[in-house]
C-alpha cells in the first residue's frame, strides 16, 4: 500500500502540496478550524474521490474554499447581504450557503453551495497556488476530525499527502459556523466557531 507524503509548511513543502493538488491529488491541510481534506476544483475526478476516502454519502455536499471572493463568484451568486457577511467575517470560520452556479455541481449541493475563505495562512497559501478547493474535515465519516498530518495519513487511505500545521495551537478545532443566506432571512444551520450574538443575528 502506498503511503501519502507528509509535507512541511514551508515554501518547498507547500509547492509540493500544490503540485499534488494540480495533479489530481486529495490532500490533508491545516485550517483555522479543524484539520481539512481537499482537492482542487480544477480536478473534478479528485473532488469526486473525497466521499470515497471519507466513506461518506455522495449526497452530502462539500465546501468550496478560495483565496478571494472574486474566485468564488465563478461558483456562486453573492447578494448584497452575502457581501456584508463576507466583509465582516472573512477570512475566518464562517461558511455561507449561497445560490450555486453550474461550475459548483461537483460539490454536491444542488442549487446551493457552501463557501468560505479561511484565515489560516497555510490554507490560504495553498489556495493561492492551487486555486479554489473542494473541502471537508479530514476524518472518516462519523468519526472526529484528525489532529494533524500524521493522523490524516494513518486514517485516510487514498490521500496523496498531508501538510504539517506549523502552529496547531492557532486553530480553533471547532468546525466553521454555517449560515444559510438562501432562505430570505439568515438561518444559522450549524453553530460552530461563531454564535448568533457574534454574527449579529
C-alpha atoms as a PDB file:
ATOM      1  CA  UNK A   1       0.000   0.000   0.000  1.00  0.00           C
ATOM      2  CA  UNK A   2       1.323   3.429  -0.945  1.00  0.00           C
ATOM      3  CA  UNK A   3       1.728   5.833   1.957  1.00  0.00           C
ATOM      4  CA  UNK A   4       0.971   9.500   1.378  1.00  0.00           C
ATOM      5  CA  UNK A   5       3.633  12.160   1.718  1.00  0.00           C
ATOM      6  CA  UNK A   6       3.994  14.476   4.694  1.00  0.00           C
ATOM      7  CA  UNK A   7       4.974  17.991   3.665  1.00  0.00           C
ATOM      8  CA  UNK A   8       6.393  20.772   5.810  1.00  0.00           C
ATOM      9  CA  UNK A   9       4.521  24.083   5.741  1.00  0.00           C
ATOM     10  CA  UNK A  10       7.444  25.929   4.151  1.00  0.00           C
ATOM     11  CA  UNK A  11       7.605  27.194   0.573  1.00  0.00           C
ATOM     12  CA  UNK A  12       9.133  23.959  -0.739  1.00  0.00           C
ATOM     13  CA  UNK A  13       6.566  21.791   1.041  1.00  0.00           C
ATOM     14  CA  UNK A  14       3.622  23.943   0.008  1.00  0.00           C
ATOM     15  CA  UNK A  15       4.774  23.856  -3.606  1.00  0.00           C
ATOM     16  CA  UNK A  16       4.830  20.048  -3.486  1.00  0.00           C
ATOM     17  CA  UNK A  17       1.368  20.017  -1.929  1.00  0.00           C
ATOM     18  CA  UNK A  18       0.043  22.449  -4.547  1.00  0.00           C
ATOM     19  CA  UNK A  19       1.632  20.380  -7.327  1.00  0.00           C
ATOM     20  CA  UNK A  20      -0.122  17.319  -5.928  1.00  0.00           C
ATOM     21  CA  UNK A  21      -3.453  19.168  -5.947  1.00  0.00           C
ATOM     22  CA  UNK A  22      -2.822  20.284  -9.519  1.00  0.00           C
ATOM     23  CA  UNK A  23      -2.077  16.695 -10.483  1.00  0.00           C
ATOM     24  CA  UNK A  24      -5.376  15.404  -9.147  1.00  0.00           C
ATOM     25  CA  UNK A  25      -4.400  14.516  -5.594  1.00  0.00           C
ATOM     26  CA  UNK A  26      -6.558  14.719  -2.472  1.00  0.00           C
ATOM     27  CA  UNK A  27      -4.572  16.109   0.449  1.00  0.00           C
ATOM     28  CA  UNK A  28      -4.831  16.963   4.131  1.00  0.00           C
ATOM     29  CA  UNK A  29      -4.087  20.527   5.206  1.00  0.00           C
ATOM     30  CA  UNK A  30      -4.418  22.743   8.298  1.00  0.00           C
ATOM     31  CA  UNK A  31      -7.131  25.375   8.598  1.00  0.00           C
ATOM     32  CA  UNK A  32      -8.262  27.892  11.198  1.00  0.00           C
ATOM     33  CA  UNK A  33     -10.959  25.432  12.339  1.00  0.00           C
ATOM     34  CA  UNK A  34     -10.414  21.658  12.092  1.00  0.00           C
ATOM     35  CA  UNK A  35      -7.746  19.875  10.050  1.00  0.00           C
ATOM     36  CA  UNK A  36      -9.063  19.677   6.496  1.00  0.00           C
ATOM     37  CA  UNK A  37      -9.210  17.454   3.437  1.00  0.00           C
ATOM     38  CA  UNK A  38      -9.269  18.981  -0.010  1.00  0.00           C
ATOM     39  CA  UNK A  39      -8.997  18.627  -3.771  1.00  0.00           C
ATOM     40  CA  UNK A  40      -8.578  21.267  -6.469  1.00  0.00           C
ATOM     41  CA  UNK A  41     -11.781  22.297  -8.222  1.00  0.00           C
ATOM     42  CA  UNK A  42      -9.764  22.103 -11.448  1.00  0.00           C
ATOM     43  CA  UNK A  43      -9.626  18.290 -10.920  1.00  0.00           C
ATOM     44  CA  UNK A  44     -13.259  17.042 -10.871  1.00  0.00           C
ATOM     45  CA  UNK A  45     -12.181  13.408 -10.530  1.00  0.00           C
ATOM     46  CA  UNK A  46     -10.238  14.281  -7.381  1.00  0.00           C
ATOM     47  CA  UNK A  47     -13.245  16.140  -5.962  1.00  0.00           C
ATOM     48  CA  UNK A  48     -15.353  13.028  -6.533  1.00  0.00           C
ATOM     49  CA  UNK A  49     -12.771  10.934  -4.657  1.00  0.00           C
ATOM     50  CA  UNK A  50     -13.307  12.796  -1.372  1.00  0.00           C
ATOM     51  CA  UNK A  51     -16.531  10.998  -0.350  1.00  0.00           C
ATOM     52  CA  UNK A  52     -14.929   7.625  -1.106  1.00  0.00           C
ATOM     53  CA  UNK A  53     -11.877   8.475   1.001  1.00  0.00           C
ATOM     54  CA  UNK A  54     -14.085   9.610   3.883  1.00  0.00           C
ATOM     55  CA  UNK A  55     -16.604   6.807   3.448  1.00  0.00           C
ATOM     56  CA  UNK A  56     -19.491   9.255   3.491  1.00  0.00           C
ATOM     57  CA  UNK A  57     -22.704   9.608   1.432  1.00  0.00           C
ATOM     58  CA  UNK A  58     -22.236  11.106  -2.014  1.00  0.00           C
ATOM     59  CA  UNK A  59     -25.167  13.472  -1.486  1.00  0.00           C
ATOM     60  CA  UNK A  60     -23.501  15.204   1.478  1.00  0.00           C
ATOM     61  CA  UNK A  61     -22.122  18.438  -0.028  1.00  0.00           C
ATOM     62  CA  UNK A  62     -18.553  19.662   0.146  1.00  0.00           C
ATOM     63  CA  UNK A  63     -17.492  23.218   0.982  1.00  0.00           C
ATOM     64  CA  UNK A  64     -15.733  25.466  -1.504  1.00  0.00           C
ATOM     65  CA  UNK A  65     -12.694  27.332  -0.193  1.00  0.00           C
ATOM     66  CA  UNK A  66     -10.988  30.064  -2.173  1.00  0.00           C
ATOM     67  CA  UNK A  67      -8.495  32.844  -1.519  1.00  0.00           C
ATOM     68  CA  UNK A  68     -10.737  35.636  -2.834  1.00  0.00           C
ATOM     69  CA  UNK A  69     -14.405  36.490  -3.307  1.00  0.00           C
ATOM     70  CA  UNK A  70     -13.663  37.056  -6.978  1.00  0.00           C
ATOM     71  CA  UNK A  71     -12.685  33.399  -7.427  1.00  0.00           C
ATOM     72  CA  UNK A  72     -15.799  32.271  -5.556  1.00  0.00           C
ATOM     73  CA  UNK A  73     -18.023  34.324  -7.859  1.00  0.00           C
ATOM     74  CA  UNK A  74     -17.371  31.774 -10.590  1.00  0.00           C
ATOM     75  CA  UNK A  75     -19.197  29.169  -8.475  1.00  0.00           C
ATOM     76  CA  UNK A  76     -21.966  31.086  -6.672  1.00  0.00           C
ATOM     77  CA  UNK A  77     -24.020  34.272  -6.587  1.00  0.00           C
ATOM     78  CA  UNK A  78     -23.278  36.922  -3.962  1.00  0.00           C
ATOM     79  CA  UNK A  79     -26.151  39.089  -2.774  1.00  0.00           C
ATOM     80  CA  UNK A  80     -25.543  42.399  -1.009  1.00  0.00           C
ATOM     81  CA  UNK A  81     -26.234  40.576   2.258  1.00  0.00           C
ATOM     82  CA  UNK A  82     -23.629  37.917   1.438  1.00  0.00           C
ATOM     83  CA  UNK A  83     -21.048  40.592   0.651  1.00  0.00           C
ATOM     84  CA  UNK A  84     -21.773  42.192   4.017  1.00  0.00           C
ATOM     85  CA  UNK A  85     -21.175  38.963   5.955  1.00  0.00           C
ATOM     86  CA  UNK A  86     -18.086  38.155   3.883  1.00  0.00           C
ATOM     87  CA  UNK A  87     -16.648  41.609   4.557  1.00  0.00           C
ATOM     88  CA  UNK A  88     -17.241  41.274   8.303  1.00  0.00           C
ATOM     89  CA  UNK A  89     -16.103  37.680   8.886  1.00  0.00           C
ATOM     90  CA  UNK A  90     -13.689  36.628   6.141  1.00  0.00           C
ATOM     91  CA  UNK A  91     -11.074  35.395   6.271  1.00  0.00           C
ATOM     92  CA  UNK A  92     -12.468  33.367   9.146  1.00  0.00           C
ATOM     93  CA  UNK A  93     -14.572  30.451  10.426  1.00  0.00           C
ATOM     94  CA  UNK A  94     -17.865  31.283   8.679  1.00  0.00           C
ATOM     95  CA  UNK A  95     -19.309  29.216   5.830  1.00  0.00           C
ATOM     96  CA  UNK A  96     -22.005  30.971   3.788  1.00  0.00           C
ATOM     97  CA  UNK A  97     -24.630  28.951   1.925  1.00  0.00           C
ATOM     98  CA  UNK A  98     -25.307  30.774  -1.365  1.00  0.00           C
ATOM     99  CA  UNK A  99     -27.079  30.047  -4.679  1.00  0.00           C
ATOM    100  CA  UNK A 100     -24.757  27.920  -6.798  1.00  0.00           C
ATOM    101  CA  UNK A 101     -23.690  28.257 -10.416  1.00  0.00           C
ATOM    102  CA  UNK A 102     -23.083  25.375 -12.818  1.00  0.00           C
ATOM    103  CA  UNK A 103     -19.354  25.150 -12.041  1.00  0.00           C
ATOM    104  CA  UNK A 104     -20.167  24.150  -8.447  1.00  0.00           C
ATOM    105  CA  UNK A 105     -22.005  20.963  -9.457  1.00  0.00           C
ATOM    106  CA  UNK A 106     -19.190  18.620  -8.387  1.00  0.00           C
ATOM    107  CA  UNK A 107     -19.593  19.814  -4.778  1.00  0.00           C
ATOM    108  CA  UNK A 108     -22.939  18.026  -4.488  1.00  0.00           C
ATOM    109  CA  UNK A 109     -25.025  20.859  -3.069  1.00  0.00           C
ATOM    110  CA  UNK A 110     -27.566  21.072  -5.886  1.00  0.00           C
ATOM    111  CA  UNK A 111     -28.921  24.621  -6.113  1.00  0.00           C
ATOM    112  CA  UNK A 112     -26.758  25.877  -3.221  1.00  0.00           C
ATOM    113  CA  UNK A 113     -23.095  25.820  -2.255  1.00  0.00           C
ATOM    114  CA  UNK A 114     -21.203  26.469   0.976  1.00  0.00           C
ATOM    115  CA  UNK A 115     -18.253  28.838   0.581  1.00  0.00           C
ATOM    116  CA  UNK A 116     -15.513  30.105   2.882  1.00  0.00           C
ATOM    117  CA  UNK A 117     -12.191  31.969   2.959  1.00  0.00           C
ATOM    118  CA  UNK A 118     -10.093  30.536   5.814  1.00  0.00           C
ATOM    119  CA  UNK A 119      -7.818  32.684   7.949  1.00  0.00           C
ATOM    120  CA  UNK A 120      -5.048  30.075   8.312  1.00  0.00           C
ATOM    121  CA  UNK A 121      -2.010  31.230   6.342  1.00  0.00           C
ATOM    122  CA  UNK A 122      -1.054  27.715   5.187  1.00  0.00           C
ATOM    123  CA  UNK A 123      -4.545  27.092   3.811  1.00  0.00           C
ATOM    124  CA  UNK A 124      -4.532  30.497   2.112  1.00  0.00           C
ATOM    125  CA  UNK A 125      -1.134  29.861   0.551  1.00  0.00           C
ATOM    126  CA  UNK A 126      -2.334  26.535  -0.859  1.00  0.00           C
ATOM    127  CA  UNK A 127      -5.398  28.262  -2.291  1.00  0.00           C
ATOM    128  CA  UNK A 128      -3.233  30.960  -3.868  1.00  0.00           C
ATOM    129  CA  UNK A 129      -1.101  28.285  -5.549  1.00  0.00           C
ATOM    130  CA  UNK A 130      -3.748  25.714  -6.482  1.00  0.00           C
ATOM    131  CA  UNK A 131      -6.896  27.807  -6.872  1.00  0.00           C
ATOM    132  CA  UNK A 132     -10.304  27.057  -5.318  1.00  0.00           C
ATOM    133  CA  UNK A 133     -10.640  23.753  -3.485  1.00  0.00           C
ATOM    134  CA  UNK A 134     -13.446  21.376  -2.545  1.00  0.00           C
ATOM    135  CA  UNK A 135     -13.002  20.766   1.163  1.00  0.00           C
ATOM    136  CA  UNK A 136     -14.299  18.966   4.224  1.00  0.00           C
ATOM    137  CA  UNK A 137     -12.935  17.846   7.579  1.00  0.00           C
ATOM    138  CA  UNK A 138     -10.181  15.218   7.477  1.00  0.00           C
ATOM    139  CA  UNK A 139     -11.775  12.186   9.087  1.00  0.00           C
ATOM    140  CA  UNK A 140     -13.664   9.038   8.289  1.00  0.00           C
ATOM    141  CA  UNK A 141     -17.424   9.590   8.168  1.00  0.00           C
ATOM    142  CA  UNK A 142     -18.886   9.645  11.672  1.00  0.00           C
ATOM    143  CA  UNK A 143     -15.524   9.981  13.393  1.00  0.00           C
ATOM    144  CA  UNK A 144     -13.899  13.061  14.922  1.00  0.00           C
ATOM    145  CA  UNK A 145     -11.542  15.146  12.745  1.00  0.00           C
ATOM    146  CA  UNK A 146      -7.895  14.117  12.830  1.00  0.00           C
ATOM    147  CA  UNK A 147      -5.463  16.404  14.637  1.00  0.00           C
ATOM    148  CA  UNK A 148      -2.743  16.716  12.021  1.00  0.00           C
ATOM    149  CA  UNK A 149      -0.830  15.387   9.036  1.00  0.00           C
ATOM    150  CA  UNK A 150       0.346  12.112  10.571  1.00  0.00           C
ATOM    151  CA  UNK A 151      -3.165  11.143  11.679  1.00  0.00           C
ATOM    152  CA  UNK A 152      -4.526  12.060   8.258  1.00  0.00           C
ATOM    153  CA  UNK A 153      -2.054   9.742   6.544  1.00  0.00           C
ATOM    154  CA  UNK A 154      -2.819   6.976   9.046  1.00  0.00           C
ATOM    155  CA  UNK A 155      -6.619   7.143   8.873  1.00  0.00           C
ATOM    156  CA  UNK A 156      -7.419   8.253   5.312  1.00  0.00           C
ATOM    157  CA  UNK A 157      -6.418   5.678   2.725  1.00  0.00           C
ATOM    158  CA  UNK A 158      -6.080   7.209  -0.722  1.00  0.00           C
ATOM    159  CA  UNK A 159      -4.812  10.694   0.082  1.00  0.00           C
ATOM    160  CA  UNK A 160      -1.705  11.844  -1.755  1.00  0.00           C
ATOM    161  CA  UNK A 161      -0.230  13.587   1.277  1.00  0.00           C
ATOM    162  CA  UNK A 162      -0.787  15.995   4.135  1.00  0.00           C
ATOM    163  CA  UNK A 163       0.708  19.326   5.218  1.00  0.00           C
ATOM    164  CA  UNK A 164       2.020  19.710   8.759  1.00  0.00           C
ATOM    165  CA  UNK A 165       0.418  22.506  10.781  1.00  0.00           C
ATOM    166  CA  UNK A 166       3.324  24.726  11.936  1.00  0.00           C
ATOM    167  CA  UNK A 167       1.208  26.203  14.743  1.00  0.00           C
ATOM    168  CA  UNK A 168      -1.599  23.812  15.760  1.00  0.00           C
ATOM    169  CA  UNK A 169      -2.445  25.983  18.765  1.00  0.00           C
ATOM    170  CA  UNK A 170      -3.660  28.701  16.359  1.00  0.00           C
ATOM    171  CA  UNK A 171      -6.543  26.539  15.093  1.00  0.00           C
ATOM    172  CA  UNK A 172      -9.924  26.776  16.793  1.00  0.00           C
ATOM    173  CA  UNK A 173     -10.558  22.999  16.498  1.00  0.00           C
ATOM    174  CA  UNK A 174     -14.272  23.749  16.102  1.00  0.00           C
ATOM    175  CA  UNK A 175     -15.948  23.476  12.706  1.00  0.00           C
ATOM    176  CA  UNK A 176     -16.935  26.648  10.910  1.00  0.00           C
ATOM    177  CA  UNK A 177     -20.347  28.127  11.605  1.00  0.00           C
ATOM    178  CA  UNK A 178     -22.715  27.649   8.657  1.00  0.00           C
ATOM    179  CA  UNK A 179     -25.067  30.490   7.748  1.00  0.00           C
ATOM    180  CA  UNK A 180     -27.700  29.886   5.074  1.00  0.00           C
ATOM    181  CA  UNK A 181     -28.469  33.026   3.066  1.00  0.00           C
ATOM    182  CA  UNK A 182     -30.796  31.364   0.546  1.00  0.00           C
ATOM    183  CA  UNK A 183     -33.986  31.333   2.663  1.00  0.00           C
ATOM    184  CA  UNK A 184     -34.786  35.026   2.853  1.00  0.00           C
ATOM    185  CA  UNK A 185     -33.733  35.655   6.443  1.00  0.00           C
ATOM    186  CA  UNK A 186     -30.272  34.349   7.501  1.00  0.00           C
ATOM    187  CA  UNK A 187     -30.534  30.915   9.161  1.00  0.00           C
ATOM    188  CA  UNK A 188     -27.680  29.562  11.302  1.00  0.00           C
ATOM    189  CA  UNK A 189     -27.715  25.854  10.496  1.00  0.00           C
ATOM    190  CA  UNK A 190     -24.518  24.998  12.394  1.00  0.00           C
ATOM    191  CA  UNK A 191     -23.285  26.938  15.393  1.00  0.00           C
ATOM    192  CA  UNK A 192     -19.552  26.325  15.243  1.00  0.00           C
ATOM    193  CA  UNK A 193     -16.856  28.872  15.982  1.00  0.00           C
ATOM    194  CA  UNK A 194     -19.268  31.843  15.701  1.00  0.00           C
ATOM    195  CA  UNK A 195     -22.559  32.078  17.598  1.00  0.00           C
ATOM    196  CA  UNK A 196     -25.706  34.065  16.858  1.00  0.00           C
ATOM    197  CA  UNK A 197     -24.630  37.012  19.000  1.00  0.00           C
ATOM    198  CA  UNK A 198     -21.238  37.263  17.301  1.00  0.00           C
ATOM    199  CA  UNK A 199     -22.930  37.163  13.900  1.00  0.00           C
ATOM    200  CA  UNK A 200     -25.350  39.888  14.992  1.00  0.00           C
ATOM    201  CA  UNK A 201     -28.440  37.714  14.478  1.00  0.00           C
END
